[in-house]
Amino acid sequence: AEDLTISPMMNPAADPEAKGGQRLDIGV
C-alpha cells in the first residue's frame, strides 16, 4: 500500500509478505 506509513519492521500487520496461510475448520 502506497499510503501505509506504518512499517512492517515495526508491525507485522503492515507486512504484505506475512498474510498467507491455510486453515481447516469444522462447523456444526
PDB file of all heavy atoms in Angstrom:
ATOM      1  N   ALA A   1       0.834  -1.203   0.000  1.00  0.00           N
ATOM      2  CA  ALA A   1       0.000   0.000   0.000  1.00  0.00           C
ATOM      3  C   ALA A   1       0.871   1.255   0.000  1.00  0.00           C
ATOM      4  O   ALA A   1       1.724   1.432   0.873  1.00  0.00           O
ATOM      5  CB  ALA A   1      -0.923   0.000   1.208  1.00  0.00           C
ATOM      6  N   GLU A   2       0.626   2.129  -0.955  1.00  0.00           N
ATOM      7  CA  GLU A   2       1.453   3.335  -1.111  1.00  0.00           C
ATOM      8  C   GLU A   2       1.322   4.304   0.063  1.00  0.00           C
ATOM      9  O   GLU A   2       2.287   4.967   0.436  1.00  0.00           O
ATOM     10  CB  GLU A   2       1.076   4.047  -2.416  1.00  0.00           C
ATOM     11  CG  GLU A   2       1.379   3.248  -3.667  1.00  0.00           C
ATOM     12  CD  GLU A   2       0.853   3.910  -4.920  1.00  0.00           C
ATOM     13  OE1 GLU A   2       0.131   4.925  -4.779  1.00  0.00           O
ATOM     14  OE2 GLU A   2       1.140   3.423  -6.024  1.00  0.00           O
ATOM     15  N   ASP A   3       0.133   4.410   0.644  1.00  0.00           N
ATOM     16  CA  ASP A   3      -0.103   5.392   1.708  1.00  0.00           C
ATOM     17  C   ASP A   3       0.027   4.809   3.105  1.00  0.00           C
ATOM     18  O   ASP A   3      -0.280   5.484   4.095  1.00  0.00           O
ATOM     19  CB  ASP A   3      -1.486   6.020   1.546  1.00  0.00           C
ATOM     20  CG  ASP A   3      -1.596   6.862   0.281  1.00  0.00           C
ATOM     21  OD1 ASP A   3      -0.538   7.279  -0.229  1.00  0.00           O
ATOM     22  OD2 ASP A   3      -2.720   7.089  -0.195  1.00  0.00           O
ATOM     23  N   LEU A   4       0.454   3.558   3.202  1.00  0.00           N
ATOM     24  CA  LEU A   4       0.630   2.929   4.507  1.00  0.00           C
ATOM     25  C   LEU A   4       2.011   3.282   5.041  1.00  0.00           C
ATOM     26  O   LEU A   4       3.033   2.776   4.563  1.00  0.00           O
ATOM     27  CB  LEU A   4       0.468   1.416   4.398  1.00  0.00           C
ATOM     28  CG  LEU A   4       0.640   0.607   5.689  1.00  0.00           C
ATOM     29  CD1 LEU A   4      -0.354   1.072   6.757  1.00  0.00           C
ATOM     30  CD2 LEU A   4       0.459  -0.877   5.405  1.00  0.00           C
ATOM     31  N   THR A   5       2.058   4.183   6.041  1.00  0.00           N
ATOM     32  CA  THR A   5       3.342   4.634   6.586  1.00  0.00           C
ATOM     33  C   THR A   5       3.779   3.815   7.793  1.00  0.00           C
ATOM     34  O   THR A   5       4.889   4.000   8.293  1.00  0.00           O
ATOM     35  CB  THR A   5       3.258   6.116   6.980  1.00  0.00           C
ATOM     36  OG1 THR A   5       2.193   6.304   7.923  1.00  0.00           O
ATOM     37  CG2 THR A   5       3.003   6.980   5.754  1.00  0.00           C
ATOM     38  N   ILE A   6       2.925   2.919   8.283  1.00  0.00           N
ATOM     39  CA  ILE A   6       3.321   2.006   9.357  1.00  0.00           C
ATOM     40  C   ILE A   6       4.273   0.970   8.753  1.00  0.00           C
ATOM     41  O   ILE A   6       3.948   0.310   7.778  1.00  0.00           O
ATOM     42  CB  ILE A   6       2.096   1.318   9.979  1.00  0.00           C
ATOM     43  CG1 ILE A   6       1.153   2.359  10.596  1.00  0.00           C
ATOM     44  CG2 ILE A   6       2.512   0.296  11.022  1.00  0.00           C
ATOM     45  CD1 ILE A   6      -0.172   1.790  11.063  1.00  0.00           C
ATOM     46  N   SER A   7       5.440   0.841   9.316  1.00  0.00           N
ATOM     47  CA  SER A   7       6.463  -0.038   8.748  1.00  0.00           C
ATOM     48  C   SER A   7       6.244  -1.491   9.164  1.00  0.00           C
ATOM     49  O   SER A   7       5.940  -1.766  10.342  1.00  0.00           O
ATOM     50  CB  SER A   7       7.855   0.410   9.193  1.00  0.00           C
ATOM     51  OG  SER A   7       8.826  -0.547   8.827  1.00  0.00           O
ATOM     52  N   PRO A   8       6.427  -2.433   8.235  1.00  0.00           N
ATOM     53  CA  PRO A   8       6.366  -3.850   8.604  1.00  0.00           C
ATOM     54  C   PRO A   8       7.495  -4.251   9.546  1.00  0.00           C
ATOM     55  O   PRO A   8       7.402  -5.296  10.199  1.00  0.00           O
ATOM     56  CB  PRO A   8       6.483  -4.570   7.252  1.00  0.00           C
ATOM     57  CG  PRO A   8       7.084  -3.584   6.321  1.00  0.00           C
ATOM     58  CD  PRO A   8       6.608  -2.249   6.789  1.00  0.00           C
ATOM     59  N   MET A   9       8.553  -3.441   9.634  1.00  0.00           N
ATOM     60  CA  MET A   9       9.615  -3.712  10.600  1.00  0.00           C
ATOM     61  C   MET A   9       9.123  -3.515  12.031  1.00  0.00           C
ATOM     62  O   MET A   9       9.639  -4.120  12.965  1.00  0.00           O
ATOM     63  CB  MET A   9      10.800  -2.765  10.354  1.00  0.00           C
ATOM     64  CG  MET A   9      11.439  -2.912   8.992  1.00  0.00           C
ATOM     65  SD  MET A   9      12.408  -4.434   8.851  1.00  0.00           S
ATOM     66  CE  MET A   9      13.825  -3.984   9.865  1.00  0.00           C
ATOM     67  N   MET A  10       8.087  -2.676  12.178  1.00  0.00           N
ATOM     68  CA  MET A  10       7.534  -2.384  13.496  1.00  0.00           C
ATOM     69  C   MET A  10       6.282  -3.200  13.782  1.00  0.00           C
ATOM     70  O   MET A  10       6.072  -3.654  14.905  1.00  0.00           O
ATOM     71  CB  MET A  10       7.207  -0.885  13.608  1.00  0.00           C
ATOM     72  CG  MET A  10       6.647  -0.479  14.956  1.00  0.00           C
ATOM     73  SD  MET A  10       6.249   1.292  15.050  1.00  0.00           S
ATOM     74  CE  MET A  10       4.844   1.403  13.936  1.00  0.00           C
ATOM     75  N   ASN A  11       5.436  -3.405  12.752  1.00  0.00           N
ATOM     76  CA  ASN A  11       4.146  -4.055  12.945  1.00  0.00           C
ATOM     77  C   ASN A  11       3.925  -5.087  11.848  1.00  0.00           C
ATOM     78  O   ASN A  11       3.805  -4.737  10.677  1.00  0.00           O
ATOM     79  CB  ASN A  11       3.027  -3.002  12.915  1.00  0.00           C
ATOM     80  CG  ASN A  11       1.678  -3.576  13.289  1.00  0.00           C
ATOM     81  OD1 ASN A  11       1.455  -4.774  13.236  1.00  0.00           O
ATOM     82  ND2 ASN A  11       0.770  -2.699  13.683  1.00  0.00           N
ATOM     83  N   PRO A  12       3.869  -6.380  12.189  1.00  0.00           N
ATOM     84  CA  PRO A  12       3.688  -7.415  11.158  1.00  0.00           C
ATOM     85  C   PRO A  12       2.362  -7.314  10.412  1.00  0.00           C
ATOM     86  O   PRO A  12       2.242  -7.841   9.311  1.00  0.00           O
ATOM     87  CB  PRO A  12       3.785  -8.724  11.950  1.00  0.00           C
ATOM     88  CG  PRO A  12       3.524  -8.350  13.366  1.00  0.00           C
ATOM     89  CD  PRO A  12       4.030  -6.958  13.533  1.00  0.00           C
ATOM     90  N   ALA A  13       1.373  -6.610  10.975  1.00  0.00           N
ATOM     91  CA  ALA A  13       0.098  -6.441  10.262  1.00  0.00           C
ATOM     92  C   ALA A  13       0.285  -5.601   9.008  1.00  0.00           C
ATOM     93  O   ALA A  13      -0.541  -5.650   8.092  1.00  0.00           O
ATOM     94  CB  ALA A  13      -0.940  -5.789  11.167  1.00  0.00           C
ATOM     95  N   ALA A  14       1.382  -4.824   8.952  1.00  0.00           N
ATOM     96  CA  ALA A  14       1.670  -3.981   7.793  1.00  0.00           C
ATOM     97  C   ALA A  14       2.577  -4.685   6.783  1.00  0.00           C
ATOM     98  O   ALA A  14       2.967  -4.084   5.783  1.00  0.00           O
ATOM     99  CB  ALA A  14       2.325  -2.682   8.247  1.00  0.00           C
ATOM    100  N   ASP A  15       2.914  -5.943   7.026  1.00  0.00           N
ATOM    101  CA  ASP A  15       3.821  -6.684   6.157  1.00  0.00           C
ATOM    102  C   ASP A  15       3.018  -7.480   5.120  1.00  0.00           C
ATOM    103  O   ASP A  15       2.320  -8.431   5.477  1.00  0.00           O
ATOM    104  CB  ASP A  15       4.671  -7.642   6.993  1.00  0.00           C
ATOM    105  CG  ASP A  15       5.756  -8.335   6.176  1.00  0.00           C
ATOM    106  OD1 ASP A  15       5.776  -8.140   4.939  1.00  0.00           O
ATOM    107  OD2 ASP A  15       6.551  -9.077   6.770  1.00  0.00           O
ATOM    108  N   PRO A  16       3.087  -7.114   3.826  1.00  0.00           N
ATOM    109  CA  PRO A  16       2.307  -7.850   2.813  1.00  0.00           C
ATOM    110  C   PRO A  16       2.786  -9.278   2.619  1.00  0.00           C
ATOM    111  O   PRO A  16       2.053 -10.111   2.071  1.00  0.00           O
ATOM    112  CB  PRO A  16       2.525  -7.021   1.540  1.00  0.00           C
ATOM    113  CG  PRO A  16       3.805  -6.287   1.766  1.00  0.00           C
ATOM    114  CD  PRO A  16       3.864  -6.010   3.241  1.00  0.00           C
ATOM    115  N   GLU A  17       4.011  -9.584   3.082  1.00  0.00           N
ATOM    116  CA  GLU A  17       4.537 -10.936   2.946  1.00  0.00           C
ATOM    117  C   GLU A  17       4.257 -11.800   4.167  1.00  0.00           C
ATOM    118  O   GLU A  17       4.766 -12.916   4.281  1.00  0.00           O
ATOM    119  CB  GLU A  17       6.045 -10.875   2.678  1.00  0.00           C
ATOM    120  CG  GLU A  17       6.394 -10.199   1.356  1.00  0.00           C
ATOM    121  CD  GLU A  17       7.884 -10.195   1.076  1.00  0.00           C
ATOM    122  OE1 GLU A  17       8.643 -10.723   1.918  1.00  0.00           O
ATOM    123  OE2 GLU A  17       8.286  -9.666   0.022  1.00  0.00           O
ATOM    124  N   ALA A  18       3.439 -11.305   5.079  1.00  0.00           N
ATOM    125  CA  ALA A  18       3.018 -12.076   6.247  1.00  0.00           C
ATOM    126  C   ALA A  18       1.500 -12.146   6.280  1.00  0.00           C
ATOM    127  O   ALA A  18       0.861 -11.826   7.287  1.00  0.00           O
ATOM    128  CB  ALA A  18       3.558 -11.446   7.535  1.00  0.00           C
ATOM    129  N   LYS A  19       0.918 -12.527   5.137  1.00  0.00           N
ATOM    130  CA  LYS A  19      -0.538 -12.560   5.033  1.00  0.00           C
ATOM    131  C   LYS A  19      -1.071 -13.897   4.511  1.00  0.00           C
ATOM    132  O   LYS A  19      -2.273 -14.096   4.426  1.00  0.00           O
ATOM    133  CB  LYS A  19      -1.032 -11.436   4.102  1.00  0.00           C
ATOM    134  CG  LYS A  19      -0.777 -10.046   4.666  1.00  0.00           C
ATOM    135  CD  LYS A  19      -1.599  -9.812   5.896  1.00  0.00           C
ATOM    136  CE  LYS A  19      -1.215  -8.529   6.600  1.00  0.00           C
ATOM    137  NZ  LYS A  19       0.062  -8.639   7.325  1.00  0.00           N
ATOM    138  N   GLY A  20      -0.196 -14.813   4.124  1.00  0.00           N
ATOM    139  CA  GLY A  20      -0.652 -16.088   3.577  1.00  0.00           C
ATOM    140  C   GLY A  20      -0.886 -17.122   4.660  1.00  0.00           C
ATOM    141  O   GLY A  20      -0.551 -16.937   5.834  1.00  0.00           O
ATOM    142  N   GLY A  21      -1.457 -18.248   4.256  1.00  0.00           N
ATOM    143  CA  GLY A  21      -1.668 -19.335   5.204  1.00  0.00           C
ATOM    144  C   GLY A  21      -2.697 -20.326   4.718  1.00  0.00           C
ATOM    145  O   GLY A  21      -3.178 -20.266   3.581  1.00  0.00           O
ATOM    146  N   GLN A  22      -3.040 -21.249   5.580  1.00  0.00           N
ATOM    147  CA  GLN A  22      -4.083 -22.225   5.305  1.00  0.00           C
ATOM    148  C   GLN A  22      -4.723 -22.658   6.614  1.00  0.00           C
ATOM    149  O   GLN A  22      -4.115 -22.564   7.682  1.00  0.00           O
ATOM    150  CB  GLN A  22      -3.523 -23.446   4.568  1.00  0.00           C
ATOM    151  CG  GLN A  22      -2.419 -24.182   5.296  1.00  0.00           C
ATOM    152  CD  GLN A  22      -1.991 -25.424   4.555  1.00  0.00           C
ATOM    153  OE1 GLN A  22      -2.702 -26.428   4.520  1.00  0.00           O
ATOM    154  NE2 GLN A  22      -0.819 -25.361   3.935  1.00  0.00           N
ATOM    155  N   ARG A  23      -5.981 -23.103   6.526  1.00  0.00           N
ATOM    156  CA  ARG A  23      -6.703 -23.472   7.747  1.00  0.00           C
ATOM    157  C   ARG A  23      -7.779 -24.508   7.419  1.00  0.00           C
ATOM    158  O   ARG A  23      -8.374 -24.490   6.344  1.00  0.00           O
ATOM    159  CB  ARG A  23      -7.350 -22.230   8.368  1.00  0.00           C
ATOM    160  CG  ARG A  23      -8.013 -22.488   9.718  1.00  0.00           C
ATOM    161  CD  ARG A  23      -8.497 -21.217  10.382  1.00  0.00           C
ATOM    162  NE  ARG A  23      -9.615 -20.602   9.691  1.00  0.00           N
ATOM    163  CZ  ARG A  23      -9.534 -19.447   9.032  1.00  0.00           C
ATOM    164  NH1 ARG A  23      -8.394 -18.773   8.970  1.00  0.00           N
ATOM    165  NH2 ARG A  23     -10.599 -18.958   8.428  1.00  0.00           N
ATOM    166  N   LEU A  24      -8.017 -25.388   8.362  1.00  0.00           N
ATOM    167  CA  LEU A  24      -9.122 -26.339   8.293  1.00  0.00           C
ATOM    168  C   LEU A  24     -10.060 -26.066   9.455  1.00  0.00           C
ATOM    169  O   LEU A  24      -9.648 -26.109  10.617  1.00  0.00           O
ATOM    170  CB  LEU A  24      -8.614 -27.775   8.345  1.00  0.00           C
ATOM    171  CG  LEU A  24      -9.688 -28.868   8.425  1.00  0.00           C
ATOM    172  CD1 LEU A  24     -10.558 -28.877   7.165  1.00  0.00           C
ATOM    173  CD2 LEU A  24      -9.051 -30.241   8.643  1.00  0.00           C
ATOM    174  N   ASP A  25     -11.317 -25.756   9.149  1.00  0.00           N
ATOM    175  CA  ASP A  25     -12.346 -25.531  10.163  1.00  0.00           C
ATOM    176  C   ASP A  25     -13.373 -26.648  10.124  1.00  0.00           C
ATOM    177  O   ASP A  25     -13.694 -27.180   9.052  1.00  0.00           O
ATOM    178  CB  ASP A  25     -13.070 -24.201   9.912  1.00  0.00           C
ATOM    179  CG  ASP A  25     -12.171 -22.996  10.088  1.00  0.00           C
ATOM    180  OD1 ASP A  25     -11.845 -22.686  11.234  1.00  0.00           O
ATOM    181  OD2 ASP A  25     -11.787 -22.387   9.066  1.00  0.00           O
ATOM    182  N   ILE A  26     -13.925 -26.970  11.273  1.00  0.00           N
ATOM    183  CA  ILE A  26     -15.059 -27.881  11.377  1.00  0.00           C
ATOM    184  C   ILE A  26     -16.253 -27.094  11.904  1.00  0.00           C
ATOM    185  O   ILE A  26     -16.126 -26.342  12.884  1.00  0.00           O
ATOM    186  CB  ILE A  26     -14.762 -29.074  12.308  1.00  0.00           C
ATOM    187  CG1 ILE A  26     -13.583 -29.888  11.776  1.00  0.00           C
ATOM    188  CG2 ILE A  26     -16.001 -29.954  12.462  1.00  0.00           C
ATOM    189  CD1 ILE A  26     -13.830 -30.522  10.412  1.00  0.00           C
ATOM    190  N   GLY A  27     -17.398 -27.242  11.223  1.00  0.00           N
ATOM    191  CA  GLY A  27     -18.586 -26.496  11.614  1.00  0.00           C
ATOM    192  C   GLY A  27     -19.752 -27.407  11.945  1.00  0.00           C
ATOM    193  O   GLY A  27     -19.905 -28.484  11.347  1.00  0.00           O
ATOM    194  N   VAL A  28     -20.571 -27.002  12.898  1.00  0.00           N
ATOM    195  CA  VAL A  28     -21.831 -27.685  13.214  1.00  0.00           C
ATOM    196  C   VAL A  28     -22.942 -26.665  13.051  1.00  0.00           C
ATOM    197  O   VAL A  28     -22.809 -25.506  13.451  1.00  0.00           O
ATOM    198  CB  VAL A  28     -21.828 -28.288  14.632  1.00  0.00           C
ATOM    199  CG1 VAL A  28     -20.858 -29.444  14.719  1.00  0.00           C
ATOM    200  CG2 VAL A  28     -21.475 -27.242  15.683  1.00  0.00           C
TER     201      VAL A  28
END
